N, C-alpha and C. Protein backbone atom coordinates (compact mmCIF):
# COMPACT_ATOMS: atom_id res chain seq x y z
N ASP A 1 113.19 98.57 90.29
CA ASP A 1 114.14 97.60 90.98
C ASP A 1 114.20 96.38 90.21
N SER A 2 113.04 95.88 89.52
CA SER A 2 113.14 94.68 88.72
C SER A 2 114.10 94.83 87.57
N LEU A 3 114.17 95.97 86.98
CA LEU A 3 115.01 96.22 85.90
C LEU A 3 116.45 96.17 86.32
N LYS A 4 116.74 96.63 87.50
CA LYS A 4 118.12 96.52 88.00
C LYS A 4 118.54 95.05 88.18
N VAL A 5 117.62 94.25 88.71
CA VAL A 5 117.89 92.86 88.95
C VAL A 5 118.16 92.23 87.52
N PHE A 6 117.24 92.43 86.64
CA PHE A 6 117.53 91.83 85.29
C PHE A 6 118.75 92.30 84.59
N SER A 7 119.16 93.61 84.85
CA SER A 7 120.32 94.14 84.24
C SER A 7 121.54 93.43 84.86
N ARG A 8 121.49 93.16 86.17
CA ARG A 8 122.55 92.46 86.83
C ARG A 8 122.79 90.95 86.40
N ILE A 9 121.54 90.29 86.26
CA ILE A 9 121.53 88.99 85.74
C ILE A 9 122.13 88.98 84.27
N SER A 10 121.63 89.90 83.46
CA SER A 10 122.12 90.01 82.08
C SER A 10 123.64 90.25 82.02
N HIS A 11 124.14 91.05 82.95
CA HIS A 11 125.65 91.33 82.97
C HIS A 11 126.40 90.03 83.51
N ALA A 12 125.84 89.42 84.46
CA ALA A 12 126.52 88.22 84.98
C ALA A 12 126.53 87.04 83.98
N MET A 13 125.46 86.95 83.19
CA MET A 13 125.35 85.91 82.12
C MET A 13 125.92 86.38 80.79
N SER A 14 126.59 87.41 80.71
CA SER A 14 126.98 88.01 79.36
C SER A 14 127.81 86.98 78.50
N ARG A 15 128.42 86.12 79.13
CA ARG A 15 129.29 85.18 78.41
C ARG A 15 128.47 83.90 77.99
N SER A 16 127.30 83.80 78.41
CA SER A 16 126.48 82.60 78.12
C SER A 16 125.33 82.98 77.14
N ALA A 17 124.91 82.00 76.41
CA ALA A 17 123.84 82.23 75.50
C ALA A 17 122.52 82.05 76.29
N PHE A 18 121.71 83.15 76.38
CA PHE A 18 120.46 83.03 77.06
C PHE A 18 119.61 84.20 76.54
N GLY A 19 118.33 83.97 76.94
CA GLY A 19 117.33 85.02 76.47
C GLY A 19 116.31 85.34 77.60
N MET A 20 115.79 86.48 77.62
CA MET A 20 114.75 86.78 78.50
C MET A 20 113.54 87.28 77.68
N VAL A 21 112.40 87.04 78.10
CA VAL A 21 111.19 87.47 77.47
C VAL A 21 110.44 88.32 78.44
N PHE A 22 110.13 89.52 78.01
CA PHE A 22 109.28 90.48 78.77
C PHE A 22 108.05 90.91 77.97
N ASN A 23 106.99 91.09 78.73
CA ASN A 23 105.86 91.67 78.00
C ASN A 23 105.64 93.02 78.68
N CYS A 24 105.18 94.02 77.83
CA CYS A 24 104.89 95.29 78.42
C CYS A 24 103.94 96.07 77.44
N ARG A 25 103.41 97.09 78.00
CA ARG A 25 102.40 97.89 77.17
C ARG A 25 103.01 99.24 76.90
N TYR A 26 102.40 99.88 76.03
CA TYR A 26 102.76 101.29 75.75
C TYR A 26 102.40 102.10 77.05
N LYS A 27 103.23 103.13 77.26
CA LYS A 27 102.84 104.10 78.31
C LYS A 27 101.60 104.82 78.06
N ASP A 28 100.91 105.37 79.09
CA ASP A 28 99.64 106.05 78.86
C ASP A 28 99.74 107.11 77.83
N ASN A 29 100.96 107.75 77.66
CA ASN A 29 101.09 108.87 76.71
C ASN A 29 101.46 108.27 75.24
N GLY A 30 101.42 106.97 75.08
CA GLY A 30 101.68 106.30 73.84
C GLY A 30 103.16 106.02 73.55
N GLU A 31 104.06 106.42 74.43
CA GLU A 31 105.48 106.07 74.17
C GLU A 31 105.68 104.56 74.42
N VAL A 32 106.72 104.09 73.77
CA VAL A 32 107.27 102.72 73.89
C VAL A 32 107.96 102.68 75.16
N PHE A 33 107.73 101.57 76.04
CA PHE A 33 108.53 101.41 77.21
C PHE A 33 109.86 100.86 76.81
N ASP A 34 110.83 101.50 77.44
CA ASP A 34 112.30 101.01 77.21
C ASP A 34 112.92 100.26 78.36
N PHE A 35 113.28 99.06 78.15
CA PHE A 35 113.83 98.29 79.27
C PHE A 35 115.34 98.73 79.43
N GLY A 36 115.93 99.34 78.55
CA GLY A 36 117.27 99.81 78.72
C GLY A 36 118.36 98.84 78.59
N PHE A 37 118.00 97.66 77.92
CA PHE A 37 118.95 96.63 77.69
C PHE A 37 119.69 96.83 76.46
N PRO A 38 120.98 96.50 76.26
CA PRO A 38 121.75 96.84 75.04
C PRO A 38 121.20 96.12 73.83
N ARG A 39 120.93 94.81 73.89
CA ARG A 39 120.46 94.06 72.71
C ARG A 39 119.08 93.72 73.07
N GLN A 40 118.10 94.07 72.33
CA GLN A 40 116.78 93.69 72.54
C GLN A 40 116.01 93.51 71.21
N LYS A 41 115.17 92.53 71.09
CA LYS A 41 114.34 92.49 69.93
C LYS A 41 112.85 92.63 70.41
N ARG A 42 112.23 93.52 69.80
CA ARG A 42 110.79 93.81 70.11
C ARG A 42 109.91 93.17 69.22
N ILE A 43 108.91 92.55 69.75
CA ILE A 43 107.88 91.95 68.96
C ILE A 43 106.55 92.67 69.34
N ARG A 44 106.06 93.41 68.34
CA ARG A 44 104.97 94.24 68.64
C ARG A 44 103.62 93.53 68.24
N VAL A 45 102.59 93.65 69.05
CA VAL A 45 101.34 93.08 68.67
C VAL A 45 100.62 94.29 68.03
N ASN A 46 100.19 94.00 66.80
CA ASN A 46 99.64 95.13 66.06
C ASN A 46 98.21 95.42 66.55
N PRO A 47 97.81 96.65 66.44
CA PRO A 47 96.44 97.05 66.89
C PRO A 47 95.42 96.29 65.96
N LEU A 48 94.19 96.29 66.42
CA LEU A 48 93.07 95.70 65.65
C LEU A 48 92.81 96.39 64.38
N SER A 49 92.29 95.68 63.41
CA SER A 49 91.86 96.39 62.23
C SER A 49 90.57 97.05 62.57
N LYS A 50 90.20 98.15 61.87
CA LYS A 50 88.96 98.89 62.14
C LYS A 50 87.78 97.99 62.20
N SER A 51 87.73 97.11 61.19
CA SER A 51 86.48 96.23 61.10
C SER A 51 86.47 95.36 62.51
N ASP A 52 87.55 94.68 62.84
CA ASP A 52 87.60 93.86 64.01
C ASP A 52 87.25 94.76 65.32
N PHE A 53 87.81 95.90 65.34
CA PHE A 53 87.60 96.85 66.47
C PHE A 53 86.08 97.12 66.51
N LYS A 54 85.41 97.38 65.37
CA LYS A 54 84.03 97.77 65.37
C LYS A 54 83.18 96.54 65.88
N ASP A 55 83.57 95.36 65.45
CA ASP A 55 82.78 94.19 65.82
C ASP A 55 82.94 93.86 67.38
N ILE A 56 84.11 94.16 67.90
CA ILE A 56 84.35 94.02 69.33
C ILE A 56 83.52 95.05 70.10
N VAL A 57 83.48 96.29 69.64
CA VAL A 57 82.75 97.38 70.24
C VAL A 57 81.26 96.93 70.35
N LYS A 58 80.71 96.56 69.22
CA LYS A 58 79.31 96.17 69.14
C LYS A 58 79.06 94.90 70.17
N ASP A 59 80.05 94.00 70.21
CA ASP A 59 79.79 92.87 71.01
C ASP A 59 79.87 93.24 72.54
N ARG A 60 80.90 93.98 72.91
CA ARG A 60 81.13 94.34 74.33
C ARG A 60 80.02 95.27 74.81
N LEU A 61 79.50 96.20 74.03
CA LEU A 61 78.52 97.08 74.41
C LEU A 61 77.15 96.58 74.11
N LYS A 62 77.08 95.42 73.45
CA LYS A 62 75.74 94.69 73.21
C LYS A 62 74.88 95.58 72.27
N LEU A 63 75.49 96.08 71.20
CA LEU A 63 74.74 97.01 70.28
C LEU A 63 74.70 96.36 68.91
N LYS A 64 73.67 96.62 68.17
CA LYS A 64 73.49 96.03 66.85
C LYS A 64 74.32 96.93 65.86
N THR A 65 74.24 98.17 66.13
CA THR A 65 74.91 99.17 65.30
C THR A 65 75.69 100.20 66.27
N ILE A 66 76.66 100.75 65.78
CA ILE A 66 77.53 101.66 66.55
C ILE A 66 77.67 102.98 65.82
N PRO A 67 77.28 104.09 66.43
CA PRO A 67 77.39 105.42 65.69
C PRO A 67 78.84 105.72 65.46
N LYS A 68 79.14 106.36 64.33
CA LYS A 68 80.52 106.70 63.94
C LYS A 68 81.21 107.61 65.01
N ALA A 69 80.34 108.50 65.64
CA ALA A 69 80.90 109.41 66.71
C ALA A 69 81.41 108.60 67.88
N THR A 70 80.63 107.47 68.33
CA THR A 70 81.02 106.70 69.45
C THR A 70 82.26 105.89 69.10
N LEU A 71 82.24 105.32 67.90
CA LEU A 71 83.43 104.51 67.43
C LEU A 71 84.68 105.43 67.36
N SER A 72 84.51 106.54 66.99
CA SER A 72 85.69 107.43 66.78
C SER A 72 86.31 107.82 68.31
N VAL A 73 85.50 108.08 69.15
CA VAL A 73 85.83 108.33 70.50
C VAL A 73 86.59 107.10 71.09
N LEU A 74 86.00 106.02 70.91
CA LEU A 74 86.66 104.73 71.41
C LEU A 74 87.93 104.42 70.81
N GLU A 75 88.06 104.64 69.47
CA GLU A 75 89.28 104.38 68.78
C GLU A 75 90.37 105.30 69.31
N ASP A 76 90.04 106.47 69.55
CA ASP A 76 90.96 107.52 70.16
C ASP A 76 91.32 107.16 71.58
N LYS A 77 90.43 106.84 72.38
CA LYS A 77 90.68 106.62 73.80
C LYS A 77 91.42 105.24 74.06
N SER A 78 91.03 104.28 73.26
CA SER A 78 91.57 102.94 73.49
C SER A 78 92.76 102.76 72.71
N ARG A 79 93.16 103.53 71.79
CA ARG A 79 94.24 103.46 70.79
C ARG A 79 94.14 102.03 70.12
N MET A 80 92.99 101.59 69.94
CA MET A 80 92.73 100.38 69.15
C MET A 80 93.30 99.13 69.83
N ASN A 81 93.49 99.21 71.18
CA ASN A 81 94.09 98.19 72.06
C ASN A 81 92.89 97.39 72.59
N PRO A 82 92.95 95.96 72.39
CA PRO A 82 91.81 95.21 72.92
C PRO A 82 91.54 95.29 74.37
N LEU A 83 92.62 95.22 75.09
CA LEU A 83 92.52 95.35 76.61
C LEU A 83 91.89 96.64 77.02
N TYR A 84 92.42 97.81 76.50
CA TYR A 84 91.83 99.09 76.71
C TYR A 84 90.33 99.15 76.34
N LEU A 85 90.09 98.59 75.28
CA LEU A 85 88.69 98.66 74.65
C LEU A 85 87.85 97.84 75.55
N GLU A 86 88.21 96.68 76.03
CA GLU A 86 87.39 95.76 76.86
C GLU A 86 87.05 96.54 78.24
N GLN A 87 88.17 97.18 78.79
CA GLN A 87 87.95 97.93 79.98
C GLN A 87 87.15 99.12 79.89
N MET A 88 87.35 99.88 78.72
CA MET A 88 86.48 101.07 78.41
C MET A 88 84.98 100.63 78.28
N ALA A 89 84.73 99.56 77.57
CA ALA A 89 83.41 99.01 77.32
C ALA A 89 82.69 98.71 78.76
N ILE A 90 83.41 98.08 79.60
CA ILE A 90 82.88 97.82 80.95
C ILE A 90 82.59 99.10 81.67
N TYR A 91 83.54 100.08 81.52
CA TYR A 91 83.28 101.38 82.23
C TYR A 91 81.99 102.00 81.65
N ILE A 92 81.95 102.06 80.38
CA ILE A 92 80.83 102.60 79.66
C ILE A 92 79.43 101.98 80.14
N SER A 93 79.55 100.66 80.28
CA SER A 93 78.21 99.94 80.58
C SER A 93 77.89 100.22 82.07
N GLU A 94 78.91 100.27 82.94
CA GLU A 94 78.62 100.49 84.36
C GLU A 94 78.33 101.95 84.67
N ASN A 95 78.62 102.90 83.80
CA ASN A 95 78.39 104.29 84.10
C ASN A 95 77.39 104.98 83.25
N SER A 96 76.63 104.30 82.47
CA SER A 96 75.54 104.94 81.70
C SER A 96 76.09 106.14 80.85
N VAL A 97 77.15 105.86 80.06
CA VAL A 97 77.82 106.85 79.39
C VAL A 97 77.19 107.19 78.10
N LEU A 98 76.30 106.25 77.44
CA LEU A 98 75.69 106.34 76.15
C LEU A 98 74.31 106.99 76.43
N ASP A 99 73.99 107.82 75.37
CA ASP A 99 72.62 108.42 75.31
C ASP A 99 71.72 107.48 74.73
N LYS A 100 70.50 107.88 74.35
CA LYS A 100 69.51 106.96 73.80
C LYS A 100 69.88 106.48 72.36
N LYS A 101 70.71 107.44 71.67
CA LYS A 101 71.20 107.12 70.29
C LYS A 101 72.51 106.38 70.34
N ASN A 102 72.93 105.93 71.50
CA ASN A 102 74.28 105.23 71.69
C ASN A 102 75.53 106.09 71.35
N ILE A 103 75.37 107.38 71.64
CA ILE A 103 76.42 108.24 71.32
C ILE A 103 76.97 108.70 72.75
N ILE A 104 78.25 108.76 72.98
CA ILE A 104 78.84 109.02 74.26
C ILE A 104 78.45 110.48 74.67
N LYS A 105 77.90 110.59 75.87
CA LYS A 105 77.38 111.93 76.19
C LYS A 105 78.34 112.91 76.35
N ASP A 106 79.43 112.52 77.05
CA ASP A 106 80.50 113.54 77.32
C ASP A 106 81.90 112.85 77.14
N PRO A 107 82.46 112.84 75.96
CA PRO A 107 83.69 112.10 75.70
C PRO A 107 84.83 112.54 76.60
N GLU A 108 84.89 113.75 77.04
CA GLU A 108 85.97 114.36 77.80
C GLU A 108 85.96 113.71 79.29
N SER A 109 84.78 113.19 79.68
CA SER A 109 84.65 112.62 80.98
C SER A 109 85.16 111.17 81.07
N LEU A 110 85.44 110.63 79.87
CA LEU A 110 85.95 109.22 79.93
C LEU A 110 87.48 109.27 80.39
N PRO A 111 87.83 108.22 81.15
CA PRO A 111 89.15 108.18 81.63
C PRO A 111 90.16 108.10 80.33
N SER A 112 91.36 108.62 80.52
CA SER A 112 92.17 108.76 79.34
C SER A 112 93.16 107.64 79.14
N GLY A 113 93.40 106.73 80.09
CA GLY A 113 94.43 105.67 80.00
C GLY A 113 93.95 104.46 80.75
N ILE A 114 94.61 103.31 80.46
CA ILE A 114 94.22 102.10 81.15
C ILE A 114 94.21 102.15 82.57
N ASN A 115 95.23 102.77 83.21
CA ASN A 115 95.22 102.97 84.63
C ASN A 115 94.03 103.66 85.22
N GLN A 116 93.67 104.81 84.50
CA GLN A 116 92.57 105.59 84.91
C GLN A 116 91.18 104.72 84.86
N ILE A 117 91.16 104.03 83.72
CA ILE A 117 89.92 103.22 83.50
C ILE A 117 89.79 102.21 84.73
N ILE A 118 90.91 101.51 84.95
CA ILE A 118 90.83 100.45 85.99
C ILE A 118 90.51 101.13 87.42
N LEU A 119 91.22 102.18 87.68
CA LEU A 119 90.99 102.91 89.01
C LEU A 119 89.48 103.32 89.09
N ALA A 120 88.97 103.73 87.95
CA ALA A 120 87.53 104.21 88.03
C ALA A 120 86.64 102.97 88.36
N ARG A 121 87.06 101.90 87.79
CA ARG A 121 86.16 100.69 88.04
C ARG A 121 86.41 100.20 89.60
N ILE A 122 87.61 100.29 90.00
CA ILE A 122 87.91 99.87 91.37
C ILE A 122 87.14 100.72 92.39
N ASP A 123 87.20 102.05 92.11
CA ASP A 123 86.59 102.99 93.00
C ASP A 123 85.12 102.78 93.22
N LYS A 124 84.43 102.12 92.31
CA LYS A 124 83.03 101.83 92.42
C LYS A 124 82.79 100.58 93.29
N LEU A 125 83.77 99.83 93.60
CA LEU A 125 83.57 98.58 94.38
C LEU A 125 83.21 98.90 95.82
N THR A 126 82.55 97.93 96.54
CA THR A 126 82.25 98.04 97.92
C THR A 126 83.59 98.06 98.76
N GLY A 127 83.55 98.50 99.97
CA GLY A 127 84.76 98.56 100.81
C GLY A 127 85.30 97.12 101.03
N GLU A 128 84.48 96.15 101.14
CA GLU A 128 84.95 94.79 101.34
C GLU A 128 85.74 94.34 100.16
N LEU A 129 85.16 94.59 98.95
CA LEU A 129 85.88 94.17 97.81
C LEU A 129 87.14 94.83 97.53
N LYS A 130 87.21 96.14 97.85
CA LYS A 130 88.50 96.87 97.79
C LYS A 130 89.47 96.39 98.72
N ASP A 131 88.99 96.05 100.02
CA ASP A 131 90.00 95.52 100.96
C ASP A 131 90.62 94.20 100.40
N ILE A 132 89.82 93.29 99.99
CA ILE A 132 90.28 91.96 99.56
C ILE A 132 91.17 92.18 98.31
N LEU A 133 90.82 93.00 97.44
CA LEU A 133 91.50 93.34 96.12
C LEU A 133 92.91 93.95 96.51
N LYS A 134 92.91 94.82 97.40
CA LYS A 134 94.28 95.45 97.72
C LYS A 134 95.15 94.50 98.36
N THR A 135 94.78 93.72 99.31
CA THR A 135 95.56 92.71 99.91
C THR A 135 95.96 91.69 98.92
N SER A 136 95.03 91.22 97.99
CA SER A 136 95.35 90.34 96.98
C SER A 136 96.44 90.79 96.07
N SER A 137 96.49 92.10 95.78
CA SER A 137 97.49 92.62 94.85
C SER A 137 98.90 92.55 95.54
N CYS A 138 98.89 92.58 96.80
CA CYS A 138 100.22 92.47 97.59
C CYS A 138 100.67 91.08 97.54
N ILE A 139 99.86 90.07 97.42
CA ILE A 139 100.23 88.58 97.35
C ILE A 139 100.88 88.31 96.03
N GLY A 140 100.22 88.79 94.86
CA GLY A 140 100.71 88.61 93.59
C GLY A 140 99.75 88.29 92.59
N ASN A 141 100.01 87.99 91.38
CA ASN A 141 98.91 87.74 90.31
C ASN A 141 98.12 86.53 90.70
N GLU A 142 98.68 85.49 91.42
CA GLU A 142 97.81 84.31 91.82
C GLU A 142 97.55 84.43 93.31
N ILE A 143 96.31 84.36 93.68
CA ILE A 143 95.82 84.52 94.94
C ILE A 143 95.31 83.19 95.54
N PRO A 144 96.11 82.56 96.50
CA PRO A 144 95.59 81.33 97.09
C PRO A 144 94.40 81.66 97.99
N VAL A 145 93.42 80.90 97.82
CA VAL A 145 92.10 81.11 98.55
C VAL A 145 92.42 80.87 100.05
N ASP A 146 93.17 79.90 100.43
CA ASP A 146 93.41 79.63 101.86
C ASP A 146 94.16 80.77 102.52
N LEU A 147 95.07 81.41 101.78
CA LEU A 147 95.94 82.45 102.27
C LEU A 147 94.97 83.69 102.46
N ILE A 148 94.27 84.01 101.55
CA ILE A 148 93.43 85.21 101.59
C ILE A 148 92.38 85.00 102.68
N SER A 149 91.85 83.83 102.74
CA SER A 149 90.81 83.51 103.76
C SER A 149 91.45 83.61 105.14
N TYR A 150 92.62 83.19 105.32
CA TYR A 150 93.30 83.21 106.62
C TYR A 150 93.54 84.75 107.02
N LEU A 151 93.98 85.55 106.02
CA LEU A 151 94.20 87.01 106.33
C LEU A 151 93.03 87.70 106.70
N PHE A 152 91.85 87.34 106.16
CA PHE A 152 90.57 87.95 106.51
C PHE A 152 89.66 87.23 107.39
N ARG A 153 90.14 86.21 108.07
CA ARG A 153 89.40 85.27 108.87
C ARG A 153 88.45 85.95 109.88
N LYS A 154 88.88 87.00 110.42
CA LYS A 154 88.15 87.65 111.55
C LYS A 154 87.17 88.82 110.92
N LYS A 155 87.71 89.42 109.86
CA LYS A 155 86.96 90.52 109.21
C LYS A 155 85.83 90.06 108.37
N TYR A 156 86.19 89.05 107.45
CA TYR A 156 85.22 88.52 106.49
C TYR A 156 85.19 86.97 106.57
N PRO A 157 84.37 86.30 107.35
CA PRO A 157 84.42 84.82 107.42
C PRO A 157 84.21 84.09 106.04
N ASP A 158 83.47 84.67 105.17
CA ASP A 158 83.22 84.03 103.95
C ASP A 158 83.89 84.79 102.75
N VAL A 159 85.17 84.74 102.66
CA VAL A 159 86.01 85.34 101.57
C VAL A 159 85.52 84.82 100.18
N ARG A 160 85.27 83.62 100.05
CA ARG A 160 84.96 82.98 98.79
C ARG A 160 83.81 83.79 98.12
N LYS A 161 82.89 84.25 98.88
CA LYS A 161 81.68 85.05 98.34
C LYS A 161 82.29 86.28 97.67
N TYR A 162 83.34 86.96 98.38
CA TYR A 162 83.87 88.23 97.83
C TYR A 162 84.68 87.93 96.56
N LEU A 163 85.44 86.77 96.67
CA LEU A 163 86.19 86.43 95.45
C LEU A 163 85.32 86.14 94.21
N SER A 164 84.19 85.50 94.50
CA SER A 164 83.17 85.32 93.52
C SER A 164 82.57 86.59 92.95
N ASP A 165 82.42 87.63 93.86
CA ASP A 165 81.95 88.86 93.42
C ASP A 165 83.06 89.57 92.49
N LEU A 166 84.27 89.43 92.82
CA LEU A 166 85.33 90.01 92.00
C LEU A 166 85.46 89.31 90.68
N GLU A 167 85.05 87.98 90.57
CA GLU A 167 84.94 87.39 89.37
C GLU A 167 83.86 87.95 88.52
N LYS A 168 82.74 88.17 89.16
CA LYS A 168 81.61 88.82 88.46
C LYS A 168 81.96 90.23 88.02
N GLU A 169 82.74 90.91 88.65
CA GLU A 169 83.20 92.26 88.28
C GLU A 169 84.31 92.12 87.17
N ASP A 170 84.63 90.97 86.74
CA ASP A 170 85.58 90.79 85.65
C ASP A 170 86.97 91.31 86.00
N ILE A 171 87.31 91.09 87.34
CA ILE A 171 88.61 91.51 87.86
C ILE A 171 89.53 90.37 88.08
N LEU A 172 88.86 89.37 88.68
CA LEU A 172 89.60 88.05 89.01
C LEU A 172 89.02 86.91 88.15
N ILE A 173 89.75 85.96 87.97
CA ILE A 173 89.22 84.69 87.28
C ILE A 173 89.62 83.49 88.22
N LEU A 174 88.79 82.54 88.15
CA LEU A 174 89.06 81.25 88.98
C LEU A 174 90.15 80.45 88.16
N PHE A 175 91.23 80.19 88.94
CA PHE A 175 92.33 79.59 88.30
C PHE A 175 92.22 78.01 88.57
N THR A 176 92.14 77.71 89.91
CA THR A 176 91.87 76.38 90.29
C THR A 176 90.98 76.46 91.51
N GLU A 177 90.50 75.43 92.01
CA GLU A 177 89.52 75.55 93.21
C GLU A 177 90.29 76.13 94.39
N MET A 178 91.59 76.23 94.24
CA MET A 178 92.34 76.73 95.47
C MET A 178 92.98 78.13 95.21
N SER A 179 92.69 78.59 94.06
CA SER A 179 93.39 79.97 93.80
C SER A 179 92.64 80.71 92.59
N HIS A 180 92.69 82.06 92.79
CA HIS A 180 92.26 82.95 91.72
C HIS A 180 93.43 83.63 91.13
N LEU A 181 93.13 84.26 89.87
CA LEU A 181 94.16 85.08 89.25
C LEU A 181 93.55 86.48 88.95
N PHE A 182 94.32 87.52 88.92
CA PHE A 182 93.96 88.74 88.37
C PHE A 182 93.67 88.46 86.88
N LYS A 183 92.68 88.89 86.33
CA LYS A 183 92.32 88.60 84.88
C LYS A 183 93.52 89.19 84.00
N TYR A 184 94.08 90.38 84.36
CA TYR A 184 95.29 90.94 83.69
C TYR A 184 96.18 91.39 84.59
N ALA A 185 97.39 91.22 84.39
CA ALA A 185 98.52 91.69 85.33
C ALA A 185 98.42 93.17 85.50
N VAL A 186 98.01 93.97 84.56
CA VAL A 186 97.93 95.40 84.67
C VAL A 186 96.92 95.87 85.78
N MET A 187 95.85 94.99 85.91
CA MET A 187 94.85 95.26 86.99
C MET A 187 95.54 95.10 88.31
N ARG A 188 96.37 94.10 88.43
CA ARG A 188 97.06 93.91 89.75
C ARG A 188 98.03 95.06 89.96
N ASP A 189 98.71 95.51 88.97
CA ASP A 189 99.78 96.59 89.03
C ASP A 189 98.99 97.86 89.50
N VAL A 190 97.85 98.22 89.00
CA VAL A 190 97.10 99.39 89.16
C VAL A 190 96.63 99.28 90.65
N VAL A 191 96.02 98.13 91.10
CA VAL A 191 95.60 98.09 92.49
C VAL A 191 96.79 98.17 93.42
N TYR A 192 97.85 97.54 93.07
CA TYR A 192 99.04 97.52 94.00
C TYR A 192 99.57 98.88 94.24
């Protein structure tokens, strides 16, 4: 629906000089997303270098060294994308995926795309956090604390505690004292 609206705006403004900027990610199958606009310029963010990737893996998994087998699986699963890697590292840490030698026990059991990684993380949350998260996703990327508190006033009197828990889960970030944001728009999209 959004693409239809933008297409209509584009057509209506065709005699004027204007530009629109969109961000998107590759599809889970690795294909490039196509907006379907006639004239478009794509600016790609290049994947991480192998060296940077390895440093991030060690940092996120809190390891001094990383076995080649583990690094290879993470390169493949994350497609060297920093967001995928960060979410995969959180998933690995939360699910005891590494053996004593820091090798991934069962690479086939790892989620295959960013949506699956995020869903697997969301599925592990308590019912209260899921409730608040699902409702928040309907509100948008920015979640006003007074609105979400009002919506849950009878069910959860202290919504701020749950919002804080969602910050600790690395799903929301505190934007102002009066609002939170989804850490990444893709997280909101998946929950929605």
